[in-house]
């Protein structure tokens, strides 16, 4: 293997993880890395003193370009946008990878940030780069990097954000949650809905889903309860892990039809994320079936 290809392949995993955190899409992340490869292949080696820094800079700027274009594309996207789940074999492929910064809940929140804020946050929090390194990658000053990181942290307010509920016996809890949604009886579940509970369903215009966020107890229970009652005889439910977090997998006619994450504090549910877009489920389902 040529030396330049060896250098690139040694950084492929890092670049893909960076691109996924930046974009929330594994398929897009792989496209970005492929684009970075074409650029790497054409650059003169004597102009690259530090290959890793060069490649991270290349991937970061390619992702920023995608995020800026996505802002326009989202105007035409049907309903809320939720990140694409990682393949379920990701953890076993890279056991050294920390899943904390790969959670769908966090990636969902990162959509609040501007492309530069997201780049600074990801590079600092997930890859532990110093502000001088961030300044060189993003072509900004160290002071500007610090300001962007402060702004990102303030906009995310992570300390106050609900976390994915990690119950013991998650399959039973998830099954009871579905039953509660279908009957409206949350008391038997032993859980409580926050007054400000919110639910997001991402169908992408390709699967039935609420086209606007559902806010408040009445709206969430009315809409999701109707959906559950309508489909309860056609769906089966299993527990799974998505991006390292417990999740509910909904199956219809042997195909994966939804992935649901429940977030909250203690036993109080604050946020429900439901992915229905088949384009975002396809890779996860294929890898899940191959791993059985």
Protein backbone atom coordinates (compact mmCIF):
# COMPACT_ATOMS: atom_id res chain seq x y z
CA UNK A 1 0.00 0.00 0.00
CA UNK A 2 1.47 3.41 -0.97
CA UNK A 3 2.55 5.60 1.93
CA UNK A 4 -0.02 8.33 1.23
CA UNK A 5 -2.84 5.76 1.20
CA UNK A 6 -1.58 4.24 4.46
CA UNK A 7 -1.61 7.71 6.05
CA UNK A 8 -5.16 8.31 4.89
CA UNK A 9 -6.47 4.91 6.01
CA UNK A 10 -4.91 5.39 9.44
CA UNK A 11 -7.14 8.47 9.85
CA UNK A 12 -10.30 7.16 8.20
CA UNK A 13 -12.02 6.17 11.43
CA UNK A 14 -11.29 9.53 13.06
CA UNK A 15 -12.52 11.43 10.01
CA UNK A 16 -15.74 9.43 9.77
CA UNK A 17 -16.50 9.91 13.46
CA UNK A 18 -15.87 13.63 13.08
CA UNK A 19 -18.10 13.91 10.03
CA UNK A 20 -20.90 11.93 11.70
CA UNK A 21 -20.88 14.20 14.73
CA UNK A 22 -20.91 17.22 12.48
CA UNK A 23 -23.73 15.98 10.24
CA UNK A 24 -25.74 13.41 12.21
CA UNK A 25 -25.74 11.16 9.14
CA UNK A 26 -23.44 8.17 8.70
CA UNK A 27 -24.08 7.92 4.96
CA UNK A 28 -23.22 11.60 4.48
CA UNK A 29 -20.18 11.17 6.72
CA UNK A 30 -18.85 8.41 4.47
CA UNK A 31 -19.42 10.62 1.41
CA UNK A 32 -17.45 13.41 3.08
CA UNK A 33 -14.54 11.08 3.83
CA UNK A 34 -14.53 9.89 0.23
CA UNK A 35 -14.41 13.49 -0.95
CA UNK A 36 -11.55 14.13 1.46
CA UNK A 37 -9.71 11.16 -0.05
CA UNK A 38 -9.88 12.64 -3.55
CA UNK A 39 -8.48 15.91 -2.22
CA UNK A 40 -5.77 14.08 -0.28
CA UNK A 41 -4.75 12.10 -3.35
CA UNK A 42 -4.25 15.26 -5.40
CA UNK A 43 -2.37 17.34 -2.81
CA UNK A 44 1.42 17.53 -2.90
CA UNK A 45 2.88 15.60 0.06
CA UNK A 46 5.59 18.20 0.69
CA UNK A 47 2.84 20.72 1.45
CA UNK A 48 1.36 18.59 4.24
CA UNK A 49 3.44 18.74 7.42
CA UNK A 50 0.82 17.12 9.68
CA UNK A 51 -1.49 14.70 7.82
CA UNK A 52 -4.00 14.31 10.67
CA UNK A 53 -4.42 18.07 11.07
CA UNK A 54 -4.75 18.52 7.31
CA UNK A 55 -7.40 15.81 7.01
CA UNK A 56 -9.40 17.02 10.01
CA UNK A 57 -9.35 20.52 8.57
CA UNK A 58 -10.48 19.22 5.18
CA UNK A 59 -13.33 17.14 6.65
CA UNK A 60 -14.46 19.96 8.94
CA UNK A 61 -14.77 22.46 6.10
CA UNK A 62 -16.54 19.95 3.86
CA UNK A 63 -19.04 19.36 6.67
CA UNK A 64 -19.54 23.08 7.22
CA UNK A 65 -20.40 23.43 3.54
CA UNK A 66 -22.97 20.62 3.86
CA UNK A 67 -24.50 22.18 6.99
CA UNK A 68 -24.87 25.54 5.29
CA UNK A 69 -26.60 23.91 2.34
CA UNK A 70 -28.76 21.82 4.70
CA UNK A 71 -30.16 24.99 6.23
CA UNK A 72 -31.79 25.65 2.86
CA UNK A 73 -32.69 22.00 2.24
CA UNK A 74 -34.48 21.81 5.60
CA UNK A 75 -36.99 24.36 4.35
CA UNK A 76 -38.20 21.65 1.97
CA UNK A 77 -37.89 18.74 4.44
CA UNK A 78 -41.22 17.32 5.57
CA UNK A 79 -41.53 17.53 9.35
CA UNK A 80 -38.88 17.52 12.11
CA UNK A 81 -35.34 16.31 11.33
CA UNK A 82 -33.74 13.72 13.62
CA UNK A 83 -30.22 12.31 13.07
CA UNK A 84 -29.62 8.93 11.43
CA UNK A 85 -28.91 6.07 13.88
CA UNK A 86 -25.51 4.44 13.87
CA UNK A 87 -25.27 0.84 12.78
CA UNK A 88 -25.75 -1.38 15.87
CA UNK A 89 -22.34 -3.00 15.30
CA UNK A 90 -20.52 0.33 15.72
CA UNK A 91 -19.69 -0.24 19.38
CA UNK A 92 -18.20 -3.67 18.74
CA UNK A 93 -16.15 -2.32 15.82
CA UNK A 94 -14.62 0.41 17.93
CA UNK A 95 -14.91 -0.44 21.64
CA UNK A 96 -12.60 2.46 22.55
CA UNK A 97 -15.13 4.97 21.19
CA UNK A 98 -17.02 6.96 23.79
CA UNK A 99 -20.72 6.81 22.94
CA UNK A 100 -21.60 9.79 25.13
CA UNK A 101 -21.05 12.34 22.36
CA UNK A 102 -22.76 10.11 19.78
CA UNK A 103 -26.17 9.93 21.45
CA UNK A 104 -29.09 10.82 19.18
CA UNK A 105 -30.41 13.21 21.81
CA UNK A 106 -27.21 15.24 21.76
CA UNK A 107 -26.92 15.12 17.96
CA UNK A 108 -30.53 16.29 17.77
CA UNK A 109 -29.66 19.29 19.94
CA UNK A 110 -26.58 20.13 17.85
CA UNK A 111 -28.96 21.09 15.04
CA UNK A 112 -29.60 24.27 17.06
CA UNK A 113 -26.05 25.46 16.44
CA UNK A 114 -24.61 27.36 13.53
CA UNK A 115 -22.08 25.39 11.43
CA UNK A 116 -19.11 27.16 13.07
CA UNK A 117 -20.53 26.71 16.58
CA UNK A 118 -21.08 23.03 15.88
CA UNK A 119 -17.55 22.61 14.53
CA UNK A 120 -15.98 24.24 17.58
CA UNK A 121 -18.18 22.27 19.99
CA UNK A 122 -17.50 18.91 18.33
CA UNK A 123 -13.77 19.42 17.90
CA UNK A 124 -13.37 20.66 21.46
CA UNK A 125 -15.72 18.31 23.32
CA UNK A 126 -15.31 15.10 21.31
CA UNK A 127 -11.70 15.42 20.13
CA UNK A 128 -10.28 17.59 22.93
CA UNK A 129 -8.54 20.07 20.61
CA UNK A 130 -7.12 23.27 22.06
CA UNK A 131 -8.43 26.66 20.93
CA UNK A 132 -5.22 27.39 19.03
CA UNK A 133 -5.74 24.18 17.05
CA UNK A 134 -9.38 25.09 16.46
CA UNK A 135 -8.33 28.53 15.26
CA UNK A 136 -5.97 27.00 12.70
CA UNK A 137 -8.55 24.50 11.45
CA UNK A 138 -11.38 27.03 11.16
CA UNK A 139 -9.26 30.02 10.11
CA UNK A 140 -10.45 32.13 13.04
CA UNK A 141 -8.77 33.62 16.11
CA UNK A 142 -8.41 31.75 19.39
CA UNK A 143 -10.59 34.39 21.01
CA UNK A 144 -13.31 33.82 18.44
CA UNK A 145 -13.06 30.07 19.05
CA UNK A 146 -13.65 30.58 22.78
CA UNK A 147 -16.63 32.84 22.07
CA UNK A 148 -18.16 30.28 19.71
CA UNK A 149 -17.72 27.49 22.28
CA UNK A 150 -19.35 29.62 25.02
CA UNK A 151 -22.23 30.47 22.71
CA UNK A 152 -22.68 26.80 21.73
CA UNK A 153 -22.74 25.63 25.35
CA UNK A 154 -25.24 28.34 26.29
CA UNK A 155 -27.53 27.45 23.40
CA UNK A 156 -27.42 23.75 24.28
CA UNK A 157 -27.74 24.16 28.08
CA UNK A 158 -26.75 20.51 28.42
CA UNK A 159 -26.97 20.46 32.21
CA UNK A 160 -30.73 21.10 31.96
CA UNK A 161 -31.41 18.79 29.02
CA UNK A 162 -33.32 15.52 29.54
CA UNK A 163 -31.30 12.35 29.18
CA UNK A 164 -32.33 9.08 27.54
CA UNK A 165 -34.00 7.05 30.27
CA UNK A 166 -31.86 4.00 31.00
CA UNK A 167 -34.26 1.76 32.87
CA UNK A 168 -33.49 -1.76 34.01
CA UNK A 169 -35.64 -4.12 31.99
CA UNK A 170 -35.96 -1.55 29.23
CA UNK A 171 -37.95 -3.89 26.97
CA UNK A 172 -40.73 -4.20 29.55
CA UNK A 173 -40.73 -0.45 30.20
CA UNK A 174 -40.90 0.34 26.50
CA UNK A 175 -43.71 -2.16 25.99
CA UNK A 176 -45.66 -0.58 28.85
CA UNK A 177 -44.99 2.85 27.38
CA UNK A 178 -46.63 1.76 24.11
CA UNK A 179 -49.60 0.42 26.02
CA UNK A 180 -49.89 3.66 27.95
CA UNK A 181 -49.83 5.67 24.72
CA UNK A 182 -52.58 3.47 23.31
CA UNK A 183 -54.82 3.64 26.39
CA UNK A 184 -53.84 7.02 27.84
CA UNK A 185 -53.21 5.35 31.21
CA UNK A 186 -49.76 6.49 32.34
CA UNK A 187 -50.39 5.69 36.00
CA UNK A 188 -50.00 1.97 35.40
CA UNK A 189 -46.66 2.70 33.74
CA UNK A 190 -45.26 4.34 36.83
CA UNK A 191 -44.00 7.21 34.71
CA UNK A 192 -45.04 10.81 34.49
CA UNK A 193 -45.22 13.18 31.54
CA UNK A 194 -43.77 16.63 32.04
CA UNK A 195 -46.23 19.48 31.46
CA UNK A 196 -43.81 20.66 28.76
CA UNK A 197 -43.29 17.22 27.19
CA UNK A 198 -42.41 17.38 23.52
CA UNK A 199 -42.43 14.74 20.81
CA UNK A 200 -40.71 14.84 17.41
CA UNK A 201 -41.47 12.37 14.63
CA UNK A 202 -39.24 12.24 11.57
CA UNK A 203 -40.99 10.66 8.61
CA UNK A 204 -39.26 12.75 5.96
CA UNK A 205 -42.45 12.69 3.88
CA UNK A 206 -41.89 8.95 3.27
CA UNK A 207 -43.72 7.52 6.30
CA UNK A 208 -46.69 8.67 8.34
CA UNK A 209 -45.53 11.10 11.02
CA UNK A 210 -46.56 14.36 12.66
CA UNK A 211 -45.28 17.21 10.52
CA UNK A 212 -44.80 19.61 13.41
CA UNK A 213 -43.39 19.07 16.92
CA UNK A 214 -46.00 17.92 19.43
CA UNK A 215 -45.86 20.12 22.52
CA UNK A 216 -47.61 19.58 25.86
CA UNK A 217 -49.31 16.60 27.48
CA UNK A 218 -52.66 16.91 25.71
CA UNK A 219 -51.17 17.21 22.23
CA UNK A 220 -48.61 14.43 22.73
CA UNK A 221 -51.04 11.91 24.23
CA UNK A 222 -53.82 12.71 21.75
CA UNK A 223 -51.70 12.35 18.59
CA UNK A 224 -49.40 9.53 19.66
CA UNK A 225 -52.26 7.72 21.36
CA UNK A 226 -54.26 7.81 18.11
CA UNK A 227 -51.28 6.47 16.16
CA UNK A 228 -50.64 3.68 18.66
CA UNK A 229 -54.29 2.58 18.66
CA UNK A 230 -54.39 2.64 14.87
CA UNK A 231 -51.29 0.50 14.40
CA UNK A 232 -51.15 -1.60 17.58
CA UNK A 233 -52.41 -4.75 15.83
CA UNK A 234 -49.84 -4.45 13.03
CA UNK A 235 -46.78 -3.57 15.08
CA UNK A 236 -44.49 -5.61 17.29
CA UNK A 237 -41.97 -4.05 19.62
CA UNK A 238 -38.48 -5.03 20.72
CA UNK A 239 -35.84 -3.26 22.76
CA UNK A 240 -32.54 -2.27 21.24
CA UNK A 241 -29.60 0.05 21.58
CA UNK A 242 -29.23 3.05 19.31
CA UNK A 243 -26.03 5.08 19.54
CA UNK A 244 -25.31 3.41 22.87
CA UNK A 245 -28.72 4.28 24.34
CA UNK A 246 -31.77 2.06 25.06
CA UNK A 247 -34.45 2.42 22.40
CA UNK A 248 -37.72 0.94 21.29
CA UNK A 249 -37.76 -0.69 17.86
CA UNK A 250 -41.10 -0.91 16.06
CA UNK A 251 -41.58 -3.66 13.47
CA UNK A 252 -44.25 -3.92 10.79
CA UNK A 253 -44.47 -6.95 8.49
CA UNK A 254 -40.93 -7.95 9.45
CA UNK A 255 -39.41 -4.58 8.58
CA UNK A 256 -38.11 -1.90 10.93
CA UNK A 257 -40.70 0.89 10.89
CA UNK A 258 -39.61 3.12 13.76
CA UNK A 259 -36.95 3.83 16.36
CA UNK A 260 -38.09 5.62 19.53
CA UNK A 261 -36.00 7.20 22.28
CA UNK A 262 -37.54 8.45 25.51
CA UNK A 263 -35.74 11.21 27.40
CA UNK A 264 -36.35 12.73 30.78
CA UNK A 265 -35.18 13.30 34.32
CA UNK A 266 -35.68 10.49 36.81
CA UNK A 267 -38.98 8.91 35.78
CA UNK A 268 -40.45 12.05 34.23
CA UNK A 269 -40.63 12.04 30.43
CA UNK A 270 -39.64 15.34 28.81
CA UNK A 271 -38.88 14.45 25.19
CA UNK A 272 -39.77 11.66 22.77
CA UNK A 273 -37.82 11.19 19.52
CA UNK A 274 -39.35 8.92 16.87
CA UNK A 275 -37.57 8.12 13.61
CA UNK A 276 -39.88 6.85 10.86
CA UNK A 277 -38.02 7.94 7.74
CA UNK A 278 -37.13 4.63 6.00
CA UNK A 279 -34.00 6.18 4.48
CA UNK A 280 -32.63 6.72 8.00
CA UNK A 281 -33.60 3.25 9.22
CA UNK A 282 -32.36 1.17 6.28
CA UNK A 283 -28.67 0.90 7.24
CA UNK A 284 -29.48 0.26 10.89
CA UNK A 285 -31.98 -2.49 10.02
CA UNK A 286 -29.63 -4.18 7.54
CA UNK A 287 -26.76 -4.23 10.04
CA UNK A 288 -29.09 -5.40 12.81
CA UNK A 289 -30.32 -8.37 10.80
CA UNK A 290 -26.78 -9.31 9.71
CA UNK A 291 -25.60 -9.24 13.33
CA UNK A 292 -28.23 -11.80 14.42
